[in-house]
Protein backbone atom coordinates (compact mmCIF):
# COMPACT_ATOMS: atom_id res chain seq x y z
CA MET A 1 0.00 -0.12 -0.16
CA SER A 2 1.70 3.31 -1.03
CA ASN A 3 1.71 6.36 1.30
CA PRO A 4 -0.51 9.24 0.79
CA ILE A 5 0.92 12.26 -1.33
CA THR A 6 1.63 15.42 0.78
CA ILE A 7 0.86 18.74 -0.57
CA LEU A 8 3.49 21.34 0.25
CA GLY A 9 2.47 25.14 0.56
CA ALA A 10 4.69 28.01 -0.37
CA ASP A 11 6.48 27.93 3.02
CA GLY A 12 7.49 24.16 2.53
CA LEU A 13 5.16 22.84 5.20
CA PRO A 14 2.36 20.70 4.51
CA MET A 15 -0.87 22.68 3.58
CA LYS A 16 -3.94 22.73 5.98
CA LYS A 17 -7.03 21.00 4.93
CA SER A 18 -10.08 24.06 4.91
CA ALA A 19 -13.15 23.33 6.45
CA SER A 20 -15.04 23.13 3.33
CA SER A 21 -14.55 22.54 -0.22
CA PHE A 22 -17.43 24.89 -1.38
CA VAL A 23 -16.18 28.17 -2.75
CA ALA A 24 -18.82 31.07 -3.04
CA PRO A 25 -19.26 32.74 -6.47
CA ARG A 26 -17.61 35.99 -6.27
CA SER A 27 -20.38 38.89 -6.95
CA GLY A 28 -17.65 41.90 -6.25
CA GLY A 29 -20.64 43.60 -4.58
CA PHE A 30 -22.54 45.02 -7.50
CA GLY A 31 -24.75 42.22 -8.57
CA SER A 32 -25.18 38.30 -9.17
CA VAL A 33 -22.94 36.77 -11.86
CA GLY A 34 -24.58 33.70 -11.80
CA GLY A 35 -28.10 32.15 -11.70
CA THR A 36 -30.74 33.52 -13.88
CA LEU A 37 -28.37 36.34 -14.90
CA ALA A 38 -25.30 34.33 -16.17
CA GLY A 39 -26.37 34.67 -19.84
CA TRP A 40 -26.87 38.30 -19.54
CA SER A 41 -23.86 39.80 -20.14
CA PRO A 42 -24.19 43.74 -21.91
CA ARG A 43 -21.00 45.34 -22.60
CA LEU A 44 -20.32 48.95 -21.74
CA ARG A 45 -20.57 51.20 -24.22
CA ALA A 46 -19.88 54.73 -25.01
CA ALA A 47 -22.97 57.43 -25.39
CA ASP A 48 -22.54 57.87 -29.15
CA ASP A 49 -21.96 54.14 -29.77
CA ARG A 50 -25.27 53.41 -27.51
CA PHE A 51 -27.70 55.91 -28.89
CA SER A 52 -26.30 56.03 -32.40
CA SER A 53 -25.65 52.50 -33.23
CA GLY A 54 -28.99 51.45 -35.40
CA ARG A 55 -30.48 55.01 -35.31
CA ASP A 56 -31.46 55.16 -39.04
CA ARG A 57 -33.23 51.86 -38.80
CA MET A 58 -35.34 52.76 -35.52
CA VAL A 59 -36.27 55.94 -36.88
CA ALA A 60 -37.84 54.30 -39.75
CA ARG A 61 -39.84 51.92 -37.64
CA VAL A 62 -40.92 54.55 -35.32
CA ARG A 63 -41.92 56.88 -38.41
CA ASP A 64 -43.93 53.91 -40.14
CA LEU A 65 -45.44 52.82 -36.71
CA VAL A 66 -46.46 56.28 -36.19
CA ASP A 67 -47.75 56.50 -40.06
CA ARG A 68 -50.11 53.30 -39.58
CA ASN A 69 -50.77 53.03 -35.68
CA GLY A 70 -53.90 55.30 -34.77
CA TRP A 71 -53.21 54.85 -30.91
CA LEU A 72 -49.68 56.06 -31.59
CA SER A 73 -50.01 58.64 -33.93
CA GLY A 74 -52.58 60.24 -31.79
CA ALA A 75 -50.84 60.26 -28.77
CA VAL A 76 -47.79 61.64 -30.66
CA GLN A 77 -50.25 64.62 -31.59
CA ARG A 78 -51.91 65.18 -28.36
CA GLN A 79 -48.28 65.54 -26.95
CA VAL A 80 -47.34 68.18 -29.10
CA ASP A 81 -50.67 69.82 -28.54
CA GLU A 82 -50.53 69.43 -24.90
CA ALA A 83 -46.64 71.13 -24.82
CA ILE A 84 -46.89 73.33 -27.52
CA GLY A 85 -50.55 74.21 -28.99
CA ALA A 86 -51.49 76.65 -31.42
CA ASN A 87 -49.97 79.78 -29.24
CA PHE A 88 -46.72 79.38 -27.33
CA ARG A 89 -46.02 82.63 -25.58
CA PHE A 90 -43.53 84.23 -23.98
CA ASN A 91 -43.52 85.88 -20.60
CA TRP A 92 -40.51 88.24 -20.76
CA ASN A 93 -39.14 88.79 -17.29
CA PRO A 94 -35.77 90.25 -17.67
CA ASP A 95 -33.24 90.39 -14.50
CA LEU A 96 -33.67 93.97 -14.00
CA GLN A 97 -30.75 94.37 -10.97
CA SER A 98 -28.15 92.73 -13.07
CA LEU A 99 -28.86 94.83 -15.82
CA GLY A 100 -29.07 98.08 -13.70
CA LEU A 101 -32.91 99.05 -15.02
CA ASP A 102 -35.73 99.63 -12.66
CA ARG A 103 -39.14 99.09 -12.58
CA ASP A 104 -40.42 102.46 -14.19
CA TRP A 105 -38.56 101.39 -17.26
CA ALA A 106 -39.80 97.78 -17.27
CA LYS A 107 -43.52 99.13 -17.08
CA GLU A 108 -42.74 100.76 -20.08
CA TRP A 109 -40.78 98.70 -22.23
CA VAL A 110 -41.66 94.73 -21.11
CA ALA A 111 -44.72 94.77 -22.51
CA GLN A 112 -43.97 96.60 -25.68
CA THR A 113 -41.21 94.15 -26.28
CA GLU A 114 -43.40 91.43 -25.71
CA ASN A 115 -46.04 92.72 -28.29
CA ALA A 116 -43.30 93.41 -30.59
CA PHE A 117 -41.75 89.86 -30.33
CA HIS A 118 -45.46 88.41 -30.44
CA ASN A 119 -46.60 90.18 -33.88
CA TYR A 120 -43.31 89.20 -35.61
CA ALA A 121 -44.00 85.82 -34.60
CA ASN A 122 -47.22 85.33 -35.68
CA ASP A 123 -47.39 87.76 -38.49
CA PRO A 124 -49.59 86.25 -41.21
CA ARG A 125 -46.94 86.76 -43.53
CA ARG A 126 -44.68 84.00 -41.47
CA PRO A 127 -41.34 85.84 -41.39
CA LEU A 128 -40.14 84.03 -38.73
CA ASP A 129 -40.08 81.03 -40.92
CA ALA A 130 -37.58 80.90 -43.34
CA GLY A 131 -39.47 78.87 -45.70
CA GLY A 132 -42.44 81.20 -45.06
CA ARG A 133 -45.03 78.55 -43.76
CA LEU A 134 -44.93 78.85 -39.90
CA ASN A 135 -45.47 80.91 -37.16
CA LEU A 136 -43.50 80.48 -33.85
CA ALA A 137 -45.94 77.83 -32.23
CA GLY A 138 -45.81 75.87 -35.78
CA ILE A 139 -41.76 76.00 -35.83
CA LEU A 140 -41.74 74.78 -32.10
CA GLY A 141 -44.05 71.89 -32.58
CA LEU A 142 -42.35 70.81 -35.77
CA GLY A 143 -39.32 70.79 -33.63
CA PHE A 144 -40.43 69.12 -30.77
CA ARG A 145 -42.18 66.51 -32.57
CA HIS A 146 -38.53 65.76 -33.99
CA ARG A 147 -37.41 65.72 -30.36
CA MET A 148 -40.06 63.05 -29.88
CA GLY A 149 -39.85 60.67 -32.85
CA GLU A 150 -35.78 60.96 -33.56
CA GLY A 151 -34.44 62.44 -30.43
CA ASP A 152 -33.27 65.73 -32.37
CA ALA A 153 -34.55 69.10 -32.65
CA VAL A 154 -32.48 71.14 -35.23
CA ALA A 155 -32.78 74.40 -37.03
CA LEU A 156 -30.73 77.03 -38.66
CA ALA A 157 -30.41 80.46 -37.73
CA GLN A 158 -30.76 82.62 -41.06
CA TRP A 159 -30.29 85.98 -41.67
CA LEU A 160 -32.50 87.39 -44.54
CA PRO A 161 -32.20 91.15 -44.83
CA LYS A 162 -33.69 91.54 -48.29
CA ARG A 163 -37.39 90.91 -47.34
CA PRO A 164 -39.86 93.37 -46.95
CA VAL A 165 -40.12 92.91 -43.03
CA THR A 166 -38.65 95.01 -40.35
CA TYR A 167 -36.23 91.95 -38.92
CA SER A 168 -33.68 89.70 -40.95
CA THR A 169 -33.87 86.84 -38.48
CA ALA A 170 -35.44 83.85 -39.73
CA ILE A 171 -35.62 79.99 -38.25
CA GLN A 172 -35.45 77.03 -40.86
CA VAL A 173 -36.21 73.71 -39.05
CA VAL A 174 -33.81 70.52 -40.46
CA ASP A 175 -34.90 66.97 -40.68
CA PRO A 176 -32.28 65.57 -38.26
CA ASP A 177 -31.65 62.98 -40.93
CA ARG A 178 -29.61 65.44 -42.59
CA LEU A 179 -27.21 65.71 -39.72
CA SER A 180 -24.64 63.42 -40.92
CA ASN A 181 -21.09 62.55 -41.43
CA PRO A 182 -19.96 63.75 -44.97
CA PHE A 183 -20.48 61.34 -47.41
CA GLY A 184 -21.09 58.47 -44.72
CA LYS A 185 -17.37 58.79 -42.96
CA PHE A 186 -17.06 56.77 -39.73
CA ASN A 187 -16.99 58.61 -36.37
CA THR A 188 -13.89 60.03 -35.23
CA GLU A 189 -12.86 61.90 -32.09
CA GLU A 190 -13.70 65.38 -33.34
CA LEU A 191 -16.55 64.35 -35.66
CA ARG A 192 -19.32 62.44 -34.48
CA ASN A 193 -22.86 61.48 -36.43
CA GLY A 194 -22.44 65.15 -38.10
CA VAL A 195 -21.60 67.09 -35.03
CA GLU A 196 -18.04 68.51 -34.79
CA ILE A 197 -16.98 68.81 -31.36
CA ASN A 198 -13.72 69.92 -29.49
CA GLY A 199 -12.01 68.62 -26.75
CA PHE A 200 -14.76 69.40 -23.97
CA GLY A 201 -17.24 67.71 -26.13
CA ALA A 202 -18.92 71.20 -26.96
CA PRO A 203 -20.11 71.51 -30.69
CA VAL A 204 -18.08 73.61 -33.04
CA ALA A 205 -19.72 72.89 -36.58
CA TYR A 206 -22.75 70.95 -37.79
CA HIS A 207 -22.23 69.13 -41.30
CA PHE A 208 -25.76 69.07 -43.07
CA ARG A 209 -26.82 67.14 -46.27
CA SER A 210 -27.78 69.64 -49.31
CA ARG A 211 -31.28 67.37 -48.87
CA HIS A 212 -32.61 64.30 -47.31
CA PRO A 213 -30.66 61.16 -47.94
CA ASN A 214 -33.67 59.69 -49.93
CA ASP A 215 -34.64 62.63 -51.62
CA PRO A 216 -35.35 61.34 -55.34
CA TRP A 217 -34.26 64.83 -56.37
CA ALA A 218 -31.11 64.71 -54.97
CA ILE A 219 -29.36 61.59 -55.91
CA LYS A 220 -26.94 62.95 -58.03
CA ASN A 221 -26.41 66.19 -55.97
CA GLN A 222 -25.63 65.16 -52.59
CA ASN A 223 -23.19 67.42 -50.93
CA TRP A 224 -22.47 68.10 -47.35
CA VAL A 225 -22.14 72.10 -46.20
CA ARG A 226 -20.37 72.81 -42.93
CA VAL A 227 -22.11 75.75 -40.58
CA ASN A 228 -20.42 77.11 -37.75
CA ALA A 229 -22.43 76.50 -34.08
CA ARG A 230 -22.02 80.08 -33.36
CA THR A 231 -20.56 83.37 -34.97
CA LYS A 232 -17.11 84.99 -33.84
CA TRP A 233 -19.36 87.35 -31.39
CA GLY A 234 -21.63 84.74 -30.24
CA ARG A 235 -24.85 84.45 -32.30
CA ALA A 236 -25.86 80.86 -32.51
CA ARG A 237 -26.36 79.63 -36.16
CA VAL A 238 -27.73 75.99 -35.47
CA LEU A 239 -30.19 75.48 -32.58
CA HIS A 240 -29.73 72.03 -31.80
CA PHE A 241 -32.02 70.49 -28.66
CA PHE A 242 -31.98 67.02 -27.16
CA GLU A 243 -31.92 65.69 -23.77
CA MET A 244 -28.63 64.19 -22.81
CA GLU A 245 -29.12 60.90 -20.90
CA GLN A 246 -24.82 60.02 -20.83
CA ALA A 247 -22.08 62.15 -20.67
CA GLY A 248 -20.18 62.86 -23.87
CA GLN A 249 -23.52 62.29 -25.87
CA THR A 250 -23.69 64.46 -28.96
CA ARG A 251 -27.19 63.39 -30.47
CA GLY A 252 -30.47 62.37 -28.78
CA ARG A 253 -32.85 59.44 -28.69
CA GLY A 254 -36.42 59.37 -29.40
CA LEU A 255 -39.04 58.49 -26.49
CA LEU A 256 -40.71 56.13 -28.60
CA GLY A 257 -37.52 53.62 -28.85
CA PRO A 258 -38.15 51.55 -25.91
CA ALA A 259 -41.78 50.51 -26.75
CA ILE A 260 -41.35 50.10 -30.30
CA GLU A 261 -41.11 46.34 -30.01
CA LYS A 262 -43.96 45.63 -27.85
CA LEU A 263 -46.17 48.20 -30.11
CA LYS A 264 -45.60 46.65 -33.36
CA VAL A 265 -46.22 43.02 -31.87
CA ALA A 266 -49.68 44.47 -30.66
CA ASP A 267 -50.19 46.18 -33.50
CA ASP A 268 -49.87 43.04 -35.89
CA TYR A 269 -51.76 40.96 -33.24
CA GLU A 270 -55.02 43.44 -33.46
CA ARG A 271 -54.88 43.42 -37.19
CA SER A 272 -55.09 39.25 -37.27
CA GLU A 273 -57.73 39.89 -34.65
CA GLN A 274 -59.52 42.10 -37.34
CA GLU A 275 -58.94 39.70 -40.22
CA ALA A 276 -60.45 36.80 -38.06
CA ALA A 277 -63.45 38.69 -37.55
CA LEU A 278 -63.67 39.82 -41.18
CA ILE A 279 -63.50 36.22 -42.12
CA ASN A 280 -65.98 34.91 -39.46
CA ALA A 281 -68.50 37.86 -40.84
CA ILE A 282 -67.76 36.98 -44.77
CA PHE A 283 -68.59 33.08 -44.10
CA ALA A 284 -71.73 33.44 -42.28
CA ALA A 285 -73.19 30.21 -43.38
CA PHE A 286 -72.28 27.21 -45.19
CA ILE A 287 -73.58 24.12 -46.97
CA GLU A 288 -72.96 20.50 -45.47
CA SER A 289 -73.37 17.38 -47.79
CA PRO A 290 -73.53 13.72 -46.98
CA PHE A 291 -71.44 12.68 -50.49
CA ASP A 292 -68.00 12.65 -50.15
CA LYS A 293 -65.82 12.22 -53.47
CA THR A 294 -65.96 8.67 -53.43
CA ILE A 295 -69.48 8.28 -53.49
CA MET A 296 -69.73 10.76 -56.14
CA ASP A 297 -67.64 8.88 -58.25
CA GLU A 298 -69.33 5.61 -57.86
CA VAL A 299 -72.51 7.65 -58.96
CA THR A 300 -71.36 9.08 -62.23
CA GLU A 301 -70.44 5.61 -63.37
CA ASP A 302 -73.99 5.78 -64.25
CA GLU A 303 -73.84 8.67 -66.96
CA ASP A 304 -77.66 9.18 -66.55
CA ALA A 305 -77.62 9.36 -62.62
CA ILE A 306 -77.04 12.80 -61.98
CA SER A 307 -79.63 14.11 -64.70
CA ARG A 308 -82.18 11.78 -63.34
CA TYR A 309 -81.61 13.09 -59.72
CA GLN A 310 -81.71 16.56 -60.79
CA ARG A 311 -84.92 16.22 -62.80
CA GLU A 312 -86.68 14.37 -59.85
CA ARG A 313 -85.71 17.24 -57.42
CA ALA A 314 -86.85 19.94 -59.94
CA GLU A 315 -90.06 17.93 -60.19
CA PHE A 316 -90.43 17.68 -56.50
CA ALA A 317 -89.43 21.15 -56.01
CA GLU A 318 -92.42 22.37 -58.37
CA SER A 319 -95.16 20.32 -57.02
CA ASN A 320 -94.08 21.10 -53.48
CA PRO A 321 -93.35 24.85 -53.20
CA VAL A 322 -92.45 26.46 -49.91
CA LEU A 323 -92.97 30.31 -49.59
CA PHE A 324 -92.91 32.70 -46.57
CA GLY A 325 -94.57 35.79 -47.91
CA GLY A 326 -91.92 37.50 -50.33
CA ALA A 327 -89.26 35.25 -49.06
CA LYS A 328 -87.31 32.99 -50.97
CA VAL A 329 -86.48 29.86 -49.75
CA HIS A 330 -83.49 28.22 -51.01
CA ARG A 331 -83.95 24.53 -51.62
CA LEU A 332 -81.01 22.13 -50.83
CA PHE A 333 -79.95 18.70 -52.41
CA ALA A 334 -81.14 15.47 -50.52
CA GLY A 335 -79.11 14.79 -47.40
CA GLU A 336 -77.64 18.29 -47.85
CA SER A 337 -78.22 20.90 -44.76
CA PHE A 338 -76.92 24.49 -43.89
CA ASN A 339 -74.48 25.24 -40.85
CA PHE A 340 -74.51 28.49 -39.56
CA ASN A 341 -70.79 30.25 -38.28
CA HIS A 342 -71.87 31.91 -35.10
CA GLY A 343 -68.30 33.54 -34.95
CA ASN A 344 -67.13 32.55 -31.61
CA ARG A 345 -63.77 33.15 -31.17
CA ASP A 346 -61.81 32.40 -27.99
CA ASN A 347 -59.93 36.26 -27.62
CA ALA A 348 -59.98 36.95 -24.03
CA ALA A 349 -56.53 37.50 -23.48
CA PHE A 350 -56.94 40.02 -26.76
CA GLN A 351 -57.79 43.21 -24.25
CA VAL A 352 -55.47 42.32 -21.73
CA PHE A 353 -52.46 42.06 -24.52
CA ILE A 354 -53.31 45.22 -25.84
CA SER A 355 -53.75 47.17 -22.61
CA ASN A 356 -50.19 46.03 -21.64
CA ALA A 357 -48.58 47.17 -24.99
CA LEU A 358 -50.56 50.46 -24.45
CA ARG A 359 -49.32 50.77 -21.02
CA HIS A 360 -45.53 50.60 -22.08
CA ALA A 361 -46.00 52.95 -24.87
CA ALA A 362 -47.56 55.44 -22.25
CA THR A 363 -44.94 54.92 -19.89
CA ALA A 364 -42.28 55.88 -22.62
CA LEU A 365 -44.12 59.00 -23.64
CA GLY A 366 -44.61 60.23 -19.63
CA GLN A 367 -48.68 59.82 -20.32
CA SER A 368 -50.98 57.88 -17.88
CA TYR A 369 -52.67 54.54 -19.59
CA GLU A 370 -55.95 56.62 -19.32
CA GLU A 371 -54.99 59.68 -21.34
CA PHE A 372 -52.95 57.41 -23.83
CA ALA A 373 -55.71 55.10 -24.81
CA ASN A 374 -58.43 57.59 -24.28
CA ASP A 375 -60.16 55.24 -22.02
CA TRP A 376 -61.34 56.72 -18.53
CA SER A 377 -64.50 54.18 -18.04
CA GLY A 378 -62.78 53.06 -14.82
CA THR A 379 -61.74 56.12 -13.34
CA ASN A 380 -63.50 58.47 -10.89
CA TYR A 381 -62.74 62.15 -9.87
CA SER A 382 -59.76 61.12 -7.73
CA SER A 383 -58.29 59.05 -10.16
CA ALA A 384 -58.53 61.01 -13.00
CA ARG A 385 -57.44 64.13 -11.20
CA ALA A 386 -54.17 62.02 -10.12
CA ALA A 387 -53.35 60.49 -13.43
CA MET A 388 -53.40 64.24 -15.10
CA LEU A 389 -51.55 65.84 -12.25
CA LYS A 390 -48.95 63.09 -12.66
CA SER A 391 -48.62 63.47 -16.20
CA TRP A 392 -48.76 67.06 -16.18
CA LYS A 393 -45.67 67.37 -14.17
CA PHE A 394 -43.87 65.30 -16.70
CA LEU A 395 -45.37 67.29 -19.39
CA THR A 396 -44.23 70.78 -17.98
CA THR A 397 -40.59 69.46 -16.91
CA ARG A 398 -40.39 68.24 -20.79
CA ARG A 399 -41.86 71.26 -21.97
CA GLY A 400 -39.59 73.63 -19.71
CA HIS A 401 -36.48 71.79 -20.95
CA PHE A 402 -37.48 72.07 -24.67
CA ALA A 403 -38.54 75.91 -24.07
CA ASN A 404 -35.06 76.51 -22.61
CA GLY A 405 -32.89 74.68 -25.30
CA PHE A 406 -34.78 75.43 -28.27
CA ALA A 407 -37.18 78.34 -28.04
CA THR A 408 -35.55 80.87 -25.61
CA PRO A 409 -32.56 80.56 -28.35
CA ILE A 410 -35.00 81.95 -30.97
CA PHE A 411 -36.27 84.88 -28.86
CA ALA A 412 -32.50 85.16 -28.04
CA LEU A 413 -31.83 85.87 -31.87
CA TRP A 414 -34.65 88.10 -32.31
CA LEU A 415 -34.16 90.08 -29.07
CA GLU A 416 -30.40 91.11 -30.23
CA GLU A 417 -31.55 92.32 -33.40
CA HIS A 418 -34.30 94.16 -31.79
CA ILE A 419 -31.77 95.85 -29.27
CA SER A 420 -29.39 96.53 -32.41
CA LYS A 421 -32.00 98.16 -34.10
CA GLY A 422 -32.46 100.60 -31.20
CA LYS A 423 -36.10 99.56 -30.63
CA ILE A 424 -35.43 99.71 -27.02
CA ASP A 425 -34.58 102.77 -25.17
CA LEU A 426 -31.85 102.02 -22.77
CA PRO A 427 -30.23 104.30 -20.11
CA ALA A 428 -26.58 105.34 -20.10
CA GLY A 429 -24.72 102.42 -18.61
CA ALA A 430 -26.83 99.45 -19.31
CA PRO A 431 -25.06 96.71 -20.57
CA SER A 432 -25.24 95.33 -24.28
CA PHE A 433 -26.74 92.03 -24.96
CA TRP A 434 -24.02 90.09 -25.27
CA GLU A 435 -22.73 91.71 -22.01
CA ASN A 436 -25.28 89.82 -20.07
CA PRO A 437 -27.51 87.99 -22.36
CA ALA A 438 -28.96 85.29 -19.48
CA ALA A 439 -30.06 88.47 -17.83
CA TRP A 440 -31.68 89.92 -20.95
CA CYS A 441 -33.48 86.82 -22.19
CA ARG A 442 -34.82 85.65 -18.58
CA GLY A 443 -38.57 84.79 -18.77
CA SER A 444 -41.10 81.65 -18.71
CA TRP A 445 -43.00 80.22 -21.72
CA ILE A 446 -46.90 79.91 -21.82
CA GLY A 447 -48.26 76.61 -23.33
CA PRO A 448 -51.65 75.43 -23.73
CA GLY A 449 -53.53 75.17 -19.93
CA ARG A 450 -53.59 72.23 -17.92
CA GLY A 451 -57.41 72.28 -18.03
CA TRP A 452 -60.18 71.33 -14.89
CA VAL A 453 -61.67 68.31 -13.81
CA ASP A 454 -63.77 70.04 -11.61
CA PRO A 455 -64.08 73.81 -12.81
CA VAL A 456 -65.67 74.79 -9.29
CA LYS A 457 -63.52 73.12 -7.04
CA GLU A 458 -60.17 74.14 -8.63
CA ALA A 459 -61.03 77.66 -9.21
CA ASN A 460 -62.02 77.81 -5.55
CA ALA A 461 -58.63 76.42 -4.69
CA SER A 462 -56.84 78.90 -7.20
CA GLN A 463 -58.79 81.80 -5.22
CA ILE A 464 -57.45 80.31 -1.92
CA ARG A 465 -53.75 80.30 -2.90
CA MET A 466 -53.58 83.83 -4.03
CA GLU A 467 -55.61 85.02 -0.86
CA ASN A 468 -53.02 83.31 0.95
CA ASN A 469 -50.08 84.53 -0.90
CA LEU A 470 -49.10 81.03 -2.10
CA SER A 471 -49.68 82.27 -5.65
CA THR A 472 -49.81 84.96 -8.04
CA LEU A 473 -52.11 85.78 -11.06
CA GLN A 474 -49.34 85.34 -13.18
CA THR A 475 -48.65 81.97 -12.17
CA GLU A 476 -52.61 80.79 -12.30
CA ALA A 477 -53.13 82.19 -15.45
CA ALA A 478 -49.76 80.62 -17.04
CA GLU A 479 -51.10 77.49 -15.86
CA GLN A 480 -54.24 77.79 -17.67
CA GLY A 481 -52.63 78.72 -20.63
CA ALA A 482 -53.36 82.34 -20.55
CA ASP A 483 -51.03 85.74 -20.12
CA TYR A 484 -52.27 87.56 -16.96
CA ARG A 485 -51.88 90.99 -18.73
CA GLU A 486 -54.14 90.22 -21.58
CA ILE A 487 -56.76 89.33 -18.84
CA LEU A 488 -56.39 92.45 -17.15
CA ASP A 489 -56.37 94.38 -20.35
CA GLN A 490 -59.33 92.68 -21.68
CA ARG A 491 -61.31 92.98 -18.08
CA ALA A 492 -60.40 97.01 -18.09
CA ARG A 493 -62.06 97.34 -21.55
CA GLU A 494 -65.10 95.28 -20.44
CA ARG A 495 -65.60 97.30 -17.34
CA ASP A 496 -65.46 100.57 -19.88
CA GLU A 497 -68.21 99.02 -22.29
CA PHE A 498 -70.34 97.79 -19.21
CA GLU A 499 -70.14 101.66 -17.89
CA GLU A 500 -70.88 103.19 -21.09
CA ARG A 501 -73.99 101.15 -21.34
CA GLY A 502 -74.81 101.82 -18.06
CA LEU A 503 -74.55 98.00 -16.82
CA ALA A 504 -73.36 96.61 -13.73
CA TYR A 505 -69.80 95.11 -14.05
CA PRO A 506 -69.60 91.27 -12.78
CA GLY A 507 -67.25 91.47 -9.77
CA GLY A 508 -67.14 95.06 -9.67
CA ASP A 509 -69.01 95.80 -6.59
CA GLN A 510 -68.03 94.85 -3.11
CA SER A 511 -69.85 91.35 -3.13
CA GLN A 512 -69.38 88.07 -5.18
CA VAL A 513 -70.52 84.72 -5.56
CA THR A 514 -68.41 81.94 -4.27
CA TYR A 515 -69.24 78.16 -3.89
CA VAL A 516 -69.59 76.40 -0.82
CA GLU A 517 -70.88 72.88 0.05
CA ASP A 518 -74.02 72.20 1.50
CA GLN A 519 -74.97 69.44 4.12
CA ASN A 520 -75.03 66.93 1.33
CA GLY A 521 -71.89 67.57 -0.05
CA ASP A 522 -73.16 69.02 -3.18
CA THR A 523 -71.62 72.40 -4.67
CA VAL A 524 -74.09 75.38 -4.32
CA SER A 525 -73.40 79.08 -4.84
CA ALA A 526 -73.93 82.08 -2.51
CA HIS A 527 -73.94 86.09 -3.05
CA VAL A 528 -71.89 87.05 0.19
CA SER A 529 -69.94 90.25 0.64
CA ARG A 530 -66.13 90.30 -0.08
CA LEU A 531 -65.46 91.26 3.52
CA GLU A 532 -67.97 88.16 5.01
CA ASP A 533 -66.32 85.81 2.54
CA ILE A 534 -62.51 86.27 3.47
CA GLY A 535 -64.11 86.40 7.27
CA ARG A 536 -65.64 83.23 6.55
CA ARG A 537 -62.49 81.75 5.28
CA ALA A 538 -60.38 83.05 8.14
CA GLN A 539 -62.60 81.42 10.56
CA MET A 540 -62.47 77.88 9.04
CA ARG A 541 -58.79 78.10 8.70
CA ARG A 542 -58.91 78.34 12.42
CA LYS A 543 -61.14 75.74 12.80
């Protein structure tokens, strides 16, 4: 019998046996490397590789689905309407302290400048659009739609001095497909997907195709134009907005990409169900015969058998007519019978499947399922308001990012020209536009209103917020898509017209109509004095 082998360690002494032969897998503290995740090994990818790889194919798929799918087409249109709408207004609020200006100057020039910009942006000749087709809301809506589908909103700041309008500033929205590396070159350290950057990643210039890559009129004349990002003194020449998701990113990603697979499968599933239902409707009934092919072959051996059978059948039908009023009754061969297709299909999972896909798409767009599907059948006031508030927060955040990154630069382009033309009377010592552009361009954008689920309750809440100095008329009006200055001006005009006609202006006296809840919880109106109403509210707050 041979002696057992002794294994020596690095010190030359026999190695000690471990208490257990089991060795736990190393996880590194960041997650399991085995089990159900063993086959999942994604690699770390740089921003431009992550978002630009397969970009053209993804964009084409999204556009195709938006064109053919009613759910998605409607959701995208609603998102544009709710974020931008038909009248996107700028509420200019320059930083008076930083600019060394006072409130008396602001009273005279802020409203006047706002009106000048509004008039130019909505001139029926459409001078703000280089193509002469869109007003400001149309330009922003088109850019926002591109941002949703392709991930980028791109526009060129044109200077057109030979037009018969006051200003030379014009905006040309550009299809993001045209922003690409010249002649299909691979990305380099300085050139990424049509964007030329410096060592810090800041855009230096943009490369645009002369036309869309699939434009049939430009197959032979495709070339690229290099446009500097800014002029030497800082005026933007290219407006490029996208929401950055990773450091080092130069192009954006559309909102619908993560949900595109589920939406496509749901679209195909719905089409298949519609086709099946159509087939069931077409084949409403069929005739069942007891004669198969073998029997008919045996019968046809007698050449006169079929003819004799038909003659006997015709004679029988003629001697035994079947009539029900004016209705025609079809006579069948002997042994044949009618079978009706009742169209029963076991598609109980259809609604669940479609709802799941729509929820994915709604989440990708930042909407509630009820808004995306226009299905409010299972909601009450509280759940509907909660869903709308959640969507409203998401929408206002997205609108704010877009307004700051795309709309405000358009206003800055116009304001620079407006000031350089001497349209604003600046006091001595006031800084020029480019000395402090942030202070000159400060303000907020007013888009479509949020809307009210219960107008009475929410109007009372708005009044309470203002009375308790928790809000302002400007904030409350902007939330409903209105400009408080326009409201005040219009009310002043209406009051003058009421007085000219000898009529009492609503709300002009010291009494008002307020809305309270009775013992049954119903909303009722009560005509009380202003002081009584304030005292009642104060007493309720003390309780």
